[in-house]
Amino acid sequence: MNKKIKFLSITSALLLSTSIFAGCAKIAEEKTPTQQKEKVVNVYSDRHYDTDKKLYEEFTKMTGIKVNVVEGKSDELIERLSREGQDTQADILITADAGRLHKAKEQGLLQSFDSEIVNKNIPKNLRDKDNTWTALTVRARVIVYSKDRVNPNELSTYEALTDAKWKGRVLTRSSTNIYSQSLLASMIEINGKEKAKEWAKGLVQNFAREPQGNDRDQVKAVAAGVGDVAIVNTYYIGKMLNSQDQEEVNAANKVGVFFPNQQTTGTHINISGAGLTKASKNKENAIKLIEFLTSEEAQKLFAEANFEYPANPKVEVAKLLKSWGEFKRQDIEMSKLGEHNKHAVEIFNEVGWK
């Protein structure tokens, strides 16, 4: 009888210890995902700058949250997000151009988020009206001109580049490029479709060559005498002037920077920005990272190291950008660039802007 009681006691103890072990395992199992969520944020980014890597490292030091980055071209990353759906690991999409961010939003790939910090750091017109994305940096799309062949007093507006005196002298990117599309989209917003179409048609008649290459290629072509003026983003000039490639430095030194439309609607600006993905598994961490990237500390590094204008108005612009002078900006909501993108593409096709 005593043996039986002893056996039952041992059995009960074993069952109890098994139950406790299972309970502990279950608790550990439940905690692990939460612990992981607090320590990681996954970013899909088309930005490939050392500046960004330094900022991610600083964010990790401050918060303990590791930043995992998948780099790629903007349209490819948006396509990947769409393909992965709810299974995506991406928490944040960082890309150039408000048009692309609007595209991601329209495809249901982004979600709204509330952040008093972001709202305080970034002006309303540089954020999505539904708070799915915010600007991180600002780029101005300017006219660069040959210092040898063009007097800057000849320049005034984007529209004036359609004048007969510029025939065979204008260089720009192709109509498939998002920067070209967003510039025309801004004109649609400001001047209406018909006037925007007139401008696009007139500019095509003044092309020095069929549109080709990136912004750096336009600067090189002006330097080489292929054309006399080109439409490019300012930060490319900064990059070229500070390049390790002497050819780029030489080309950039041969052009001047002109901010068009200063007496009218202002120079066209665009952004690089960050959106919170619809399927984010680490939403809280993602918002923390976006808030950090809009902070004065982060914005200062964007401005100084990458020659971009800070999206946070409290931050001073880099010395090189200051040397080009202050300028009046187009005062339109960045989301309009995406909303008018379809019409811009249609106009390009109609007027033969390849």
Protein backbone atom coordinates (compact mmCIF):
# COMPACT_ATOMS: atom_id res chain seq x y z
CA MET A 1 0.00 0.00 0.00
CA ASN A 2 2.80 2.38 0.90
CA LYS A 3 4.53 1.54 -2.38
CA LYS A 4 1.34 2.34 -4.26
CA ILE A 5 1.00 5.68 -2.51
CA LYS A 6 4.68 6.42 -3.18
CA PHE A 7 4.21 5.56 -6.86
CA LEU A 8 1.19 7.84 -7.14
CA SER A 9 3.10 10.67 -5.49
CA ILE A 10 5.99 10.33 -7.94
CA THR A 11 3.55 10.19 -10.85
CA SER A 12 1.70 13.27 -9.62
CA ALA A 13 4.97 15.14 -9.18
CA LEU A 14 6.05 14.23 -12.68
CA LEU A 15 2.72 15.35 -14.11
CA LEU A 16 2.88 18.58 -12.16
CA SER A 17 6.45 19.34 -13.29
CA THR A 18 5.48 18.54 -16.90
CA SER A 19 2.54 20.89 -16.63
CA ILE A 20 4.71 23.66 -15.18
CA PHE A 21 7.34 23.12 -17.90
CA ALA A 22 4.66 23.26 -20.59
CA GLY A 23 3.22 26.40 -19.04
CA CYS A 24 6.63 28.07 -18.94
CA ALA A 25 7.27 27.07 -22.53
CA LYS A 26 3.92 28.53 -23.54
CA ILE A 27 4.70 31.80 -21.75
CA ALA A 28 8.13 31.93 -23.41
CA GLU A 29 6.50 31.16 -26.73
CA GLU A 30 4.04 34.01 -26.24
CA LYS A 31 6.74 36.47 -25.20
CA THR A 32 9.20 35.81 -27.98
CA PRO A 33 7.24 37.48 -30.81
CA THR A 34 6.61 40.52 -28.58
CA GLN A 35 10.26 40.73 -27.68
CA GLN A 36 11.22 40.49 -31.35
CA LYS A 37 8.65 43.14 -32.27
CA GLU A 38 10.23 45.57 -29.84
CA LYS A 39 13.70 45.09 -31.32
CA VAL A 40 13.34 45.20 -35.09
CA VAL A 41 11.96 47.29 -37.93
CA ASN A 42 12.16 46.25 -41.59
CA VAL A 43 12.63 48.85 -44.32
CA TYR A 44 12.25 48.64 -48.09
CA SER A 45 14.27 51.55 -49.47
CA ASP A 46 15.40 52.90 -52.83
CA ARG A 47 17.86 55.19 -51.05
CA HIS A 48 21.38 53.76 -51.14
CA TYR A 49 23.37 56.41 -49.33
CA ASP A 50 25.91 56.06 -46.51
CA THR A 51 24.00 58.86 -44.80
CA ASP A 52 20.98 56.63 -44.32
CA LYS A 53 23.08 53.77 -42.94
CA LYS A 54 24.60 56.10 -40.34
CA LEU A 55 21.15 57.26 -39.32
CA TYR A 56 19.89 53.69 -38.91
CA GLU A 57 22.90 52.86 -36.77
CA GLU A 58 22.28 55.92 -34.60
CA PHE A 59 18.61 54.96 -34.23
CA THR A 60 19.60 51.47 -33.07
CA LYS A 61 22.01 52.91 -30.49
CA MET A 62 19.29 55.18 -29.15
CA THR A 63 16.44 52.66 -29.06
CA GLY A 64 17.88 49.15 -29.25
CA ILE A 65 15.69 48.55 -32.32
CA LYS A 66 17.59 46.91 -35.17
CA VAL A 67 16.91 48.29 -38.65
CA ASN A 68 16.90 45.70 -41.44
CA VAL A 69 17.06 47.22 -44.92
CA VAL A 70 16.19 45.76 -48.31
CA GLU A 71 17.41 48.07 -51.07
CA GLY A 72 16.04 48.18 -54.59
CA LYS A 73 14.55 50.39 -57.27
CA SER A 74 11.35 52.17 -56.28
CA ASP A 75 8.94 50.53 -58.72
CA GLU A 76 10.42 47.10 -58.01
CA LEU A 77 9.96 47.56 -54.26
CA ILE A 78 6.34 48.66 -54.73
CA GLU A 79 5.73 45.64 -56.96
CA ARG A 80 7.32 43.39 -54.34
CA LEU A 81 5.12 44.83 -51.61
CA SER A 82 2.06 44.21 -53.77
CA ARG A 83 3.13 40.66 -54.53
CA GLU A 84 3.90 39.79 -50.90
CA GLY A 85 0.65 41.21 -49.56
CA GLN A 86 0.00 40.42 -45.89
CA ASP A 87 3.04 38.13 -45.85
CA THR A 88 5.50 40.97 -46.35
CA GLN A 89 8.05 41.64 -43.65
CA ALA A 90 8.37 45.30 -44.66
CA ASP A 91 7.23 47.89 -42.12
CA ILE A 92 8.34 51.03 -43.97
CA LEU A 93 8.62 51.95 -47.64
CA ILE A 94 11.15 54.70 -48.36
CA THR A 95 11.24 56.01 -51.90
CA ALA A 96 11.93 59.07 -54.01
CA ASP A 97 9.05 61.13 -55.40
CA ALA A 98 5.62 61.78 -53.95
CA GLY A 99 4.13 60.23 -57.08
CA ARG A 100 5.50 56.84 -56.14
CA LEU A 101 4.30 57.11 -52.55
CA HIS A 102 0.85 58.03 -53.86
CA LYS A 103 0.97 55.00 -56.15
CA ALA A 104 1.73 52.72 -53.19
CA LYS A 105 -1.12 54.29 -51.26
CA GLU A 106 -3.58 53.86 -54.16
CA GLN A 107 -2.67 50.18 -54.37
CA GLY A 108 -3.59 49.74 -50.71
CA LEU A 109 -0.03 49.09 -49.62
CA LEU A 110 0.16 51.81 -46.96
CA GLN A 111 -1.78 52.60 -43.80
CA SER A 112 -2.45 55.79 -41.88
CA PHE A 113 -0.56 56.54 -38.68
CA ASP A 114 -0.87 59.25 -36.07
CA SER A 115 2.26 60.98 -34.85
CA GLU A 116 2.29 64.37 -33.20
CA ILE A 117 6.08 64.36 -33.59
CA VAL A 118 5.94 63.95 -37.39
CA ASN A 119 3.14 66.51 -37.67
CA LYS A 120 5.24 68.97 -35.68
CA ASN A 121 8.44 68.29 -37.65
CA ILE A 122 7.11 68.25 -41.21
CA PRO A 123 4.84 70.89 -42.86
CA LYS A 124 1.37 69.76 -43.87
CA ASN A 125 1.95 70.15 -47.62
CA LEU A 126 4.88 67.69 -47.40
CA ARG A 127 2.73 64.99 -45.83
CA ASP A 128 -0.05 62.81 -47.21
CA LYS A 129 -3.46 64.20 -46.32
CA ASP A 130 -4.42 60.77 -44.92
CA ASN A 131 -1.11 60.44 -43.05
CA THR A 132 0.09 57.33 -44.86
CA TRP A 133 3.47 58.91 -45.70
CA THR A 134 5.65 61.90 -44.94
CA ALA A 135 8.54 63.67 -46.62
CA LEU A 136 12.05 63.03 -45.32
CA THR A 137 13.95 65.30 -47.72
CA VAL A 138 13.17 67.91 -50.37
CA ARG A 139 14.69 68.26 -53.85
CA ALA A 140 14.24 71.27 -56.13
CA ARG A 141 13.93 70.64 -59.88
CA VAL A 142 15.85 73.51 -61.42
CA ILE A 143 17.27 74.71 -64.72
CA VAL A 144 21.02 74.27 -65.09
CA TYR A 145 22.72 76.26 -67.81
CA SER A 146 26.08 76.44 -69.56
CA LYS A 147 28.15 79.17 -67.93
CA ASP A 148 29.92 79.71 -71.27
CA ARG A 149 26.92 79.95 -73.57
CA VAL A 150 23.99 81.18 -71.49
CA ASN A 151 23.48 84.40 -69.58
CA PRO A 152 21.28 83.59 -66.54
CA ASN A 153 19.41 86.83 -67.20
CA GLU A 154 17.93 85.04 -70.23
CA LEU A 155 16.21 82.55 -67.93
CA SER A 156 12.92 83.04 -66.12
CA THR A 157 10.39 80.20 -66.03
CA TYR A 158 9.89 76.58 -67.11
CA GLU A 159 7.26 77.90 -69.51
CA ALA A 160 9.74 80.29 -71.15
CA LEU A 161 11.86 77.33 -72.29
CA THR A 162 9.29 76.84 -75.05
CA ASP A 163 10.36 80.14 -76.67
CA ALA A 164 11.86 79.85 -80.16
CA LYS A 165 15.26 81.06 -78.94
CA TRP A 166 15.71 77.75 -77.08
CA LYS A 167 15.07 75.58 -80.13
CA GLY A 168 17.58 72.71 -80.21
CA ARG A 169 19.04 73.73 -76.85
CA VAL A 170 16.93 71.98 -74.14
CA LEU A 171 17.89 68.71 -72.45
CA THR A 172 15.73 66.61 -70.13
CA ARG A 173 14.88 63.10 -69.04
CA SER A 174 12.38 60.82 -70.74
CA SER A 175 8.65 60.88 -70.14
CA THR A 176 8.85 57.49 -68.41
CA ASN A 177 10.85 59.05 -65.60
CA ILE A 178 8.85 59.90 -62.48
CA TYR A 179 10.64 63.25 -62.05
CA SER A 180 9.44 64.38 -65.48
CA GLN A 181 5.95 63.12 -64.75
CA SER A 182 5.76 64.93 -61.42
CA LEU A 183 6.97 68.22 -62.91
CA LEU A 184 4.18 68.07 -65.48
CA ALA A 185 1.71 66.95 -62.80
CA SER A 186 2.55 70.09 -60.82
CA MET A 187 1.82 72.20 -63.89
CA ILE A 188 -1.52 70.45 -64.32
CA GLU A 189 -2.37 71.33 -60.72
CA ILE A 190 -1.31 74.96 -61.09
CA ASN A 191 -2.20 75.82 -64.70
CA GLY A 192 -4.70 73.18 -65.78
CA LYS A 193 -4.39 70.36 -68.32
CA GLU A 194 -4.54 72.45 -71.50
CA LYS A 195 -1.76 74.86 -70.55
CA ALA A 196 0.32 71.98 -69.23
CA LYS A 197 -0.12 70.24 -72.56
CA GLU A 198 0.92 73.38 -74.45
CA TRP A 199 4.09 73.56 -72.37
CA ALA A 200 4.99 69.91 -72.93
CA LYS A 201 4.38 70.25 -76.68
CA GLY A 202 6.46 73.41 -76.90
CA LEU A 203 9.34 71.91 -74.95
CA VAL A 204 9.46 68.84 -77.22
CA GLN A 205 9.96 71.19 -80.19
CA ASN A 206 13.02 72.67 -78.46
CA PHE A 207 14.76 69.43 -77.46
CA ALA A 208 18.46 69.26 -78.31
CA ARG A 209 18.15 65.48 -78.59
CA GLU A 210 15.67 62.73 -77.81
CA PRO A 211 15.33 62.46 -74.02
CA GLN A 212 17.76 59.94 -72.54
CA GLY A 213 19.84 59.23 -69.46
CA ASN A 214 19.56 60.38 -65.85
CA ASP A 215 20.05 63.83 -64.34
CA ARG A 216 23.83 63.48 -64.22
CA ASP A 217 23.79 62.70 -67.94
CA GLN A 218 21.89 65.92 -68.64
CA VAL A 219 24.56 67.93 -66.80
CA LYS A 220 27.34 66.15 -68.69
CA ALA A 221 25.55 66.83 -71.98
CA VAL A 222 25.33 70.57 -71.22
CA ALA A 223 29.03 70.58 -70.33
CA ALA A 224 29.81 68.78 -73.60
CA GLY A 225 27.79 71.27 -75.68
CA VAL A 226 25.01 68.89 -76.69
CA GLY A 227 22.52 71.38 -75.29
CA ASP A 228 22.64 74.67 -73.41
CA VAL A 229 20.10 74.15 -70.62
CA ALA A 230 18.72 71.14 -68.76
CA ILE A 231 16.08 70.40 -66.11
CA VAL A 232 17.57 68.48 -63.16
CA ASN A 233 17.27 67.94 -59.40
CA THR A 234 19.57 70.07 -57.25
CA TYR A 235 21.02 67.27 -55.16
CA TYR A 236 22.58 65.69 -58.26
CA ILE A 237 24.63 68.87 -58.71
CA GLY A 238 25.80 68.61 -55.12
CA LYS A 239 26.70 64.96 -55.58
CA MET A 240 28.62 65.67 -58.79
CA LEU A 241 30.58 68.57 -57.33
CA ASN A 242 31.68 66.30 -54.47
CA SER A 243 32.19 63.17 -56.57
CA GLN A 244 35.32 60.99 -56.68
CA ASP A 245 34.85 60.98 -60.47
CA GLN A 246 36.73 63.98 -61.86
CA GLU A 247 34.63 63.96 -65.04
CA GLU A 248 31.52 64.58 -62.95
CA VAL A 249 33.22 67.36 -60.99
CA ASN A 250 34.37 69.06 -64.19
CA ALA A 251 30.92 68.82 -65.77
CA ALA A 252 29.15 70.22 -62.70
CA ASN A 253 31.58 73.14 -62.52
CA LYS A 254 30.63 74.14 -66.07
CA VAL A 255 26.95 74.72 -65.25
CA GLY A 256 25.10 77.28 -63.19
CA VAL A 257 21.96 76.68 -61.11
CA PHE A 258 18.83 78.73 -61.80
CA PHE A 259 15.59 78.56 -59.79
CA PRO A 260 12.73 79.16 -62.26
CA ASN A 261 9.33 80.78 -61.67
CA GLN A 262 10.48 82.93 -58.75
CA GLN A 263 8.15 85.77 -59.76
CA THR A 264 5.18 83.46 -60.37
CA THR A 265 4.34 80.02 -58.96
CA GLY A 266 7.73 79.07 -57.52
CA THR A 267 10.26 76.36 -58.35
CA HIS A 268 8.98 72.80 -58.52
CA ILE A 269 9.95 70.66 -55.55
CA ASN A 270 9.62 66.97 -54.84
CA ILE A 271 10.54 64.72 -51.96
CA SER A 272 11.94 61.46 -50.82
CA GLY A 273 9.62 60.08 -48.16
CA ALA A 274 8.59 57.23 -45.90
CA GLY A 275 5.28 55.39 -45.72
CA LEU A 276 4.00 52.89 -43.16
CA THR A 277 3.12 49.59 -44.87
CA LYS A 278 -0.41 48.20 -44.54
CA ALA A 279 0.91 44.82 -43.37
CA SER A 280 3.48 46.15 -40.89
CA LYS A 281 4.24 43.64 -38.12
CA ASN A 282 6.25 46.21 -36.15
CA LYS A 283 4.08 49.30 -36.41
CA GLU A 284 5.20 50.95 -33.17
CA ASN A 285 8.87 50.56 -34.05
CA ALA A 286 8.25 51.77 -37.58
CA ILE A 287 6.61 54.97 -36.37
CA LYS A 288 9.52 55.55 -33.99
CA LEU A 289 11.97 55.29 -36.89
CA ILE A 290 9.95 57.67 -39.07
CA GLU A 291 9.78 60.13 -36.18
CA PHE A 292 13.55 59.90 -35.74
CA LEU A 293 14.19 60.49 -39.45
CA THR A 294 12.14 63.69 -39.31
CA SER A 295 13.98 64.95 -36.22
CA GLU A 296 16.37 67.90 -36.36
CA GLU A 297 19.33 65.60 -35.70
CA ALA A 298 18.58 63.31 -38.63
CA GLN A 299 17.49 66.11 -40.94
CA LYS A 300 20.77 67.92 -40.38
CA LEU A 301 22.72 64.88 -41.60
CA PHE A 302 20.44 64.51 -44.65
CA ALA A 303 21.15 68.14 -45.52
CA GLU A 304 24.90 68.23 -44.90
CA ALA A 305 25.97 64.85 -46.24
CA ASN A 306 23.55 64.29 -49.11
CA PHE A 307 22.93 67.82 -50.42
CA GLU A 308 19.17 67.59 -50.00
CA TYR A 309 16.95 70.29 -48.54
CA PRO A 310 15.65 69.32 -45.10
CA ALA A 311 11.93 68.63 -44.90
CA ASN A 312 12.00 69.92 -41.33
CA PRO A 313 11.97 73.73 -41.64
CA LYS A 314 13.85 74.17 -38.35
CA VAL A 315 17.00 72.70 -39.92
CA GLU A 316 19.46 74.86 -41.81
CA VAL A 317 20.38 73.94 -45.39
CA ALA A 318 23.90 72.84 -46.34
CA LYS A 319 26.55 75.44 -47.20
CA LEU A 320 26.64 74.49 -50.91
CA LEU A 321 22.89 74.82 -51.27
CA LYS A 322 23.03 78.16 -49.49
CA SER A 323 25.52 79.36 -52.09
CA TRP A 324 22.86 78.90 -54.77
CA GLY A 325 20.56 81.26 -52.88
CA GLU A 326 17.12 81.07 -51.34
CA PHE A 327 14.16 80.36 -53.56
CA LYS A 328 10.39 80.41 -53.62
CA ARG A 329 8.85 76.91 -53.68
CA GLN A 330 5.73 75.73 -55.45
CA ASP A 331 3.01 75.74 -52.80
CA ILE A 332 1.02 72.62 -53.62
CA GLU A 333 0.25 69.42 -51.75
CA MET A 334 2.75 66.72 -52.68
CA SER A 335 -0.09 64.22 -53.01
CA LYS A 336 -1.30 66.17 -56.08
CA LEU A 337 1.77 64.94 -57.96
CA GLY A 338 0.44 61.42 -57.66
CA GLU A 339 -3.17 62.34 -58.32
CA HIS A 340 -2.26 63.99 -61.66
CA ASN A 341 0.31 61.39 -62.71
CA LYS A 342 -2.06 59.53 -65.05
CA HIS A 343 -2.94 62.75 -66.89
CA ALA A 344 0.74 63.71 -67.15
CA VAL A 345 1.57 60.38 -68.81
CA GLU A 346 -1.34 60.82 -71.23
CA ILE A 347 -0.11 64.28 -72.21
CA PHE A 348 3.44 63.04 -72.78
CA ASN A 349 2.11 60.38 -75.12
CA GLU A 350 -0.03 62.90 -77.00
CA VAL A 351 2.78 65.41 -77.59
CA GLY A 352 5.45 62.85 -78.48
CA TRP A 353 7.71 63.36 -75.42
CA LYS A 354 9.52 60.03 -75.54
